[in-house]
Protein backbone atom coordinates (compact mmCIF):
# COMPACT_ATOMS: atom_id res chain seq x y z
CA MET A 1 0.00 0.00 0.00
CA ALA A 2 1.07 3.65 -0.16
CA ILE A 3 0.66 7.21 1.07
CA GLY A 4 -1.20 9.50 -1.32
CA VAL A 5 -0.39 13.20 -1.59
CA PHE A 6 -2.98 15.42 -3.28
CA ASP A 7 -2.86 19.00 -4.50
CA SER A 8 -4.53 21.04 -7.19
CA GLY A 9 -1.15 21.33 -8.87
CA ILE A 10 2.59 21.28 -8.23
CA GLY A 11 2.56 23.09 -4.88
CA GLY A 12 2.00 19.91 -2.91
CA LEU A 13 5.38 18.69 -4.11
CA SER A 14 6.86 20.79 -1.31
CA VAL A 15 5.00 18.63 1.23
CA HIS A 16 5.65 15.48 -0.78
CA LYS A 17 9.40 16.15 -0.77
CA ALA A 18 9.43 16.59 3.02
CA LEU A 19 7.48 13.35 3.46
CA VAL A 20 9.82 11.42 1.15
CA ASP A 21 12.85 12.76 3.04
CA ARG A 22 11.27 11.73 6.34
CA LEU A 23 9.98 8.32 5.21
CA PRO A 24 12.37 7.22 2.42
CA ALA A 25 11.29 3.55 2.41
CA ALA A 26 7.57 4.35 2.15
CA ASP A 27 5.60 4.15 -1.10
CA PHE A 28 4.12 7.41 -2.38
CA VAL A 29 1.64 8.35 -5.09
CA TYR A 30 1.31 12.06 -5.89
CA LEU A 31 -1.74 13.41 -7.71
CA ALA A 32 -1.93 16.92 -9.16
CA ASP A 33 -5.37 18.04 -10.35
CA GLN A 34 -3.80 20.31 -12.95
CA ALA A 35 -6.90 20.17 -15.15
CA ASN A 36 -8.69 22.24 -12.51
CA THR A 37 -5.90 24.23 -10.86
CA PRO A 38 -5.96 26.59 -9.04
CA TYR A 39 -8.66 25.87 -6.46
CA GLY A 40 -8.34 29.20 -4.65
CA GLY A 41 -11.00 31.05 -6.63
CA ARG A 42 -13.53 28.21 -6.96
CA PRO A 43 -16.84 27.89 -5.06
CA GLY A 44 -16.79 25.78 -1.90
CA GLU A 45 -18.98 22.94 -3.21
CA GLU A 46 -16.81 22.59 -6.29
CA ILE A 47 -13.69 22.38 -4.12
CA VAL A 48 -15.32 19.62 -2.05
CA ASP A 49 -16.28 17.65 -5.18
CA LEU A 50 -12.84 17.97 -6.78
CA THR A 51 -11.07 17.01 -3.56
CA ARG A 52 -13.27 13.95 -3.09
CA ALA A 53 -12.57 12.84 -6.68
CA GLY A 54 -8.82 13.22 -6.10
CA CYS A 55 -8.96 11.16 -2.91
CA GLU A 56 -10.92 8.41 -4.66
CA ARG A 57 -8.32 8.27 -7.44
CA LEU A 58 -5.53 7.85 -4.88
CA PHE A 59 -7.42 5.19 -2.95
CA ASP A 60 -7.96 3.38 -6.27
CA ALA A 61 -4.19 3.56 -6.80
CA GLY A 62 -3.69 1.58 -3.58
CA CYS A 63 -3.22 4.35 -1.01
CA ASP A 64 -4.44 3.79 2.54
CA LEU A 65 -3.78 7.36 3.68
CA VAL A 66 -4.18 10.56 1.68
CA VAL A 67 -2.56 13.84 2.71
CA LEU A 68 -4.26 16.96 1.36
CA ALA A 69 -1.16 19.02 0.54
CA CYS A 70 -3.39 21.94 -0.42
CA ASN A 71 -4.50 24.62 2.02
CA THR A 72 -7.63 25.38 0.02
CA ALA A 73 -8.77 21.75 -0.07
CA ALA A 74 -7.85 21.22 3.59
CA SER A 75 -9.57 24.37 4.83
CA VAL A 76 -12.73 24.05 2.71
CA ALA A 77 -13.26 20.32 2.09
CA LEU A 78 -11.48 18.17 4.67
CA ARG A 79 -13.96 18.33 7.54
CA ARG A 80 -16.90 17.71 5.20
CA LEU A 81 -15.20 14.67 3.70
CA GLN A 82 -14.21 13.26 7.08
CA GLN A 83 -17.69 13.63 8.51
CA THR A 84 -20.05 12.89 5.63
CA TRP A 85 -18.16 10.85 3.02
CA LEU A 86 -15.35 8.80 4.53
CA PRO A 87 -17.42 6.62 6.93
CA GLY A 88 -19.55 5.20 4.12
CA TYR A 89 -16.63 5.01 1.70
CA ARG A 90 -14.55 2.96 4.17
CA LYS A 91 -17.42 0.53 4.60
CA ALA A 92 -17.89 0.15 0.84
CA LEU A 93 -14.14 -0.24 0.27
CA GLY A 94 -13.76 -2.81 3.03
CA ARG A 95 -10.45 -1.50 4.37
CA PRO A 96 -9.26 1.32 6.62
CA VAL A 97 -8.54 4.54 4.73
CA ASN A 98 -8.24 8.12 5.91
CA VAL A 99 -7.68 11.67 4.69
CA LEU A 100 -5.56 14.16 6.64
CA GLY A 101 -4.66 17.77 5.94
CA ILE A 102 -1.91 20.31 6.50
CA ILE A 103 -3.87 22.91 8.47
CA VAL A 104 -3.67 21.12 11.85
CA PRO A 105 0.14 20.61 11.76
CA THR A 106 0.63 24.22 10.66
CA ILE A 107 -1.47 25.60 13.50
CA GLU A 108 0.33 23.37 15.99
CA ALA A 109 3.65 24.73 14.69
CA ALA A 110 2.39 28.33 14.79
CA THR A 111 1.05 28.11 18.35
CA GLY A 112 3.49 25.64 19.87
CA LEU A 113 0.45 23.83 21.26
CA PRO A 114 -1.32 20.54 20.46
CA TRP A 115 -4.50 20.74 18.38
CA GLU A 116 -6.60 19.58 21.35
CA HIS A 117 -5.56 22.59 23.43
CA GLU A 118 -8.00 25.47 23.82
CA ALA A 119 -7.05 28.53 25.84
CA GLU A 120 -9.05 29.54 28.90
CA ARG A 121 -10.60 32.95 28.34
CA ARG A 122 -10.21 34.90 31.57
CA GLY A 123 -10.27 38.41 30.19
CA GLU A 124 -6.69 39.02 31.27
CA LYS A 125 -4.77 41.85 29.63
CA VAL A 126 -2.29 40.69 27.00
CA GLU A 127 1.06 42.33 27.67
CA HIS A 128 2.62 41.58 24.28
CA LEU A 129 0.70 40.86 21.09
CA GLU A 130 2.56 38.97 18.40
CA VAL A 131 1.47 39.59 14.80
CA LEU A 132 1.35 36.55 12.52
CA GLY A 133 0.92 37.08 8.78
CA VAL A 134 -0.63 34.43 6.52
CA PHE A 135 -0.14 34.51 2.76
CA SER A 136 -2.82 32.33 1.17
CA THR A 137 -5.29 31.81 -1.67
CA PRO A 138 -8.57 33.78 -1.60
CA ALA A 139 -10.53 30.65 -0.59
CA THR A 140 -8.25 29.93 2.37
CA THR A 141 -8.36 33.58 3.40
CA ALA A 142 -12.18 33.59 3.18
CA SER A 143 -12.41 30.47 5.36
CA ARG A 144 -10.61 32.36 8.19
CA VAL A 145 -9.37 28.98 9.42
CA TYR A 146 -6.07 30.37 10.69
CA GLU A 147 -7.67 33.32 12.47
CA ILE A 148 -10.32 31.13 14.12
CA GLU A 149 -8.17 28.19 15.16
CA ILE A 150 -5.17 30.18 16.38
CA ASP A 151 -7.42 32.52 18.40
CA LYS A 152 -8.88 29.46 20.18
CA ARG A 153 -5.42 28.57 21.43
CA ARG A 154 -3.44 31.80 21.78
CA GLN A 155 -4.89 35.17 22.75
CA ASP A 156 -1.45 36.76 22.46
CA VAL A 157 -1.26 36.17 18.70
CA ALA A 158 -3.10 38.35 16.17
CA VAL A 159 -3.49 36.84 12.70
CA PHE A 160 -3.70 38.87 9.49
CA SER A 161 -4.23 37.09 6.16
CA GLU A 162 -3.19 38.38 2.75
CA PRO A 163 -5.00 36.80 -0.23
CA CYS A 164 -2.77 36.25 -3.25
CA PRO A 165 -5.16 35.50 -6.13
CA ASN A 166 -2.56 35.19 -8.91
CA LEU A 167 0.49 33.72 -7.21
CA ALA A 168 -0.33 29.98 -7.28
CA ARG A 169 -1.13 30.13 -10.98
CA MET A 170 2.11 32.02 -11.68
CA ILE A 171 4.13 29.34 -9.88
CA GLU A 172 2.15 26.57 -11.58
CA THR A 173 2.91 27.95 -15.03
CA GLY A 174 6.59 28.63 -14.34
CA ALA A 175 6.60 32.44 -14.24
CA ASP A 176 10.07 33.99 -14.29
CA GLU A 177 11.78 35.05 -11.08
CA ALA A 178 11.42 38.78 -11.72
CA ALA A 179 7.63 38.50 -12.07
CA LEU A 180 7.34 36.30 -8.98
CA LYS A 181 9.57 38.64 -6.97
CA ALA A 182 7.42 41.65 -7.87
CA GLU A 183 4.16 39.81 -7.09
CA ILE A 184 5.38 38.58 -3.71
CA ALA A 185 6.88 41.96 -2.75
CA GLY A 186 3.56 43.62 -3.55
CA HIS A 187 1.67 41.28 -1.24
CA ALA A 188 4.24 41.72 1.53
CA ARG A 189 3.79 45.51 1.28
CA ALA A 190 -0.01 45.20 1.23
CA LEU A 191 0.02 43.05 4.37
CA ALA A 192 2.38 45.42 6.20
CA THR A 193 0.20 48.40 5.23
CA ARG A 194 -2.93 46.73 6.59
CA ILE A 195 -1.23 45.70 9.84
CA GLY A 196 0.61 49.01 10.23
CA ARG A 197 3.97 47.23 10.27
CA PRO A 198 5.47 43.97 8.98
CA PRO A 199 4.41 40.73 10.73
CA ASP A 200 6.60 39.18 13.42
CA ARG A 201 6.28 35.76 11.77
CA ALA A 202 4.63 34.49 8.60
CA ILE A 203 2.91 31.35 7.34
CA LEU A 204 3.16 30.48 3.67
CA GLY A 205 -0.44 29.28 3.61
CA CYS A 206 -0.37 27.72 0.15
CA THR A 207 1.98 24.85 -0.62
CA HIS A 208 2.86 26.44 -3.96
CA TYR A 209 4.42 29.35 -2.06
CA GLU A 210 7.01 27.11 -0.38
CA ILE A 211 8.64 26.68 -3.79
CA THR A 212 9.36 30.43 -3.73
CA ALA A 213 10.18 30.67 -0.01
CA GLU A 214 13.43 32.55 -0.68
CA LEU A 215 11.50 35.31 -2.46
CA PHE A 216 9.20 35.66 0.57
CA ARG A 217 12.26 35.92 2.82
CA ALA A 218 13.62 38.68 0.60
CA ALA A 219 10.29 40.56 0.66
CA LEU A 220 9.95 40.46 4.47
CA PRO A 221 12.27 42.15 6.97
CA PRO A 222 15.54 40.23 7.46
CA GLY A 223 15.22 37.39 9.95
CA THR A 224 11.41 37.17 9.87
CA PRO A 225 10.68 33.53 10.80
CA LEU A 226 8.65 31.51 8.29
CA ILE A 227 6.51 28.62 9.48
CA HIS A 228 7.15 25.82 7.00
CA GLN A 229 4.14 23.63 6.31
CA PRO A 230 6.11 20.75 4.72
CA ASP A 231 8.27 20.14 7.80
CA ALA A 232 5.32 20.50 10.18
CA THR A 233 3.25 18.08 8.08
CA ALA A 234 6.07 15.52 7.86
CA ASP A 235 6.42 15.59 11.65
CA ALA A 236 2.69 15.07 12.10
CA ILE A 237 2.34 12.25 9.54
CA GLU A 238 5.31 10.36 10.98
CA ARG A 239 3.73 10.49 14.45
CA TYR A 240 0.32 9.54 13.04
CA LEU A 241 1.66 6.43 11.30
CA GLU A 242 3.37 5.34 14.52
CA ARG A 243 0.03 5.55 16.33
CA HIS A 244 -2.00 3.98 13.50
CA PRO A 245 -0.27 0.92 12.01
CA GLU A 246 -3.51 0.00 10.21
CA TYR A 247 -2.59 2.60 7.59
CA ARG A 248 0.23 0.91 5.70
CA ALA A 249 2.84 3.11 4.07
CA GLY A 250 4.55 0.38 2.04
CA GLN A 251 8.25 -0.42 2.04
CA SER A 252 9.45 -0.49 -1.57
CA GLY A 253 10.24 3.21 -2.06
CA LEU A 254 7.69 3.55 -4.89
CA ARG A 255 7.33 7.04 -6.40
CA ARG A 256 4.48 7.75 -8.81
CA PHE A 257 3.44 11.18 -10.06
CA LEU A 258 -0.02 11.52 -11.63
CA THR A 259 -1.79 14.49 -13.21
CA THR A 260 -5.30 15.15 -14.49
CA GLY A 261 -3.72 17.66 -16.85
CA THR A 262 -1.14 17.19 -19.59
CA PRO A 263 1.33 14.42 -18.71
CA GLY A 264 5.04 14.88 -19.18
CA ARG A 265 7.83 17.01 -17.77
CA GLN A 266 6.95 19.79 -15.37
CA ASN A 267 8.22 23.36 -15.63
CA GLY A 268 11.75 24.52 -14.87
CA LEU A 269 10.76 26.05 -11.54
CA VAL A 270 9.63 22.61 -10.34
CA SER A 271 12.80 20.97 -11.64
CA THR A 272 14.94 23.49 -9.76
CA PHE A 273 12.99 22.98 -6.55
CA TRP A 274 12.93 19.19 -6.87
CA GLY A 275 16.59 18.97 -7.78
CA GLY A 276 16.08 17.44 -11.21
CA PRO A 277 13.53 16.83 -13.99
CA LEU A 278 10.15 15.50 -12.93
CA ASP A 279 7.74 13.70 -15.25
CA PHE A 280 4.05 13.14 -14.52
CA GLU A 281 1.91 10.35 -15.99
CA ALA A 282 -1.76 10.68 -16.89
CA ALA A 283 -4.14 10.01 -14.03
């Protein structure tokens, strides 16, 4: 069996790479829904339907566990799928399967607290308020998942999200570095203007953005810490598999890359990030 990694496009490769580095013997199948990318501007019901279809394709490919390496899918669709679709699907399939996302590990990394923790609200004055910036797709921004979930756990952290409607598509299509640098710098300025100053820390709340992490570092004040979703997700999945041996990760080191779009070699930006050429086969 295998671990499935799903994204609307190439951004999830950042999470996939961290998982492969952490679990080198495990079998992995990556699926990019490039026929429908990006998800960030789509209606919620459409995102749920597309995410469910992607999970089904990965389960059909022999995966026991699917990781939604897409903030939009995880923030909009994951809970719905876990509550209303997975129970019946497991029964029909006749084996244990599950879908996990990247939001929970990211919030745990941002707060330094376990997901189960909720802060007691005593009305005490906060002496120091830390400002956390989140760069994300419009759909993730609209969900307010980071604002809501971080506020439940930390009253000393204020979250400000900056929607980046064009950035995922630019990365997906291999835009040149100058164009990406200008786009990212513009969003960093917009976020700082809205806050009144730059954020103290930042989350790259779309897995595509991790591919251009160095450009975000250049656009933010020197030394601004970035919370890296791939590392946080790899930590969480490794712990999850230790607790749940019923989800088998395989042991042959299989690597498959599927796309609903045009199969073949991905763009040069992906090759640079991955460390070599990467070919996708038709899903």
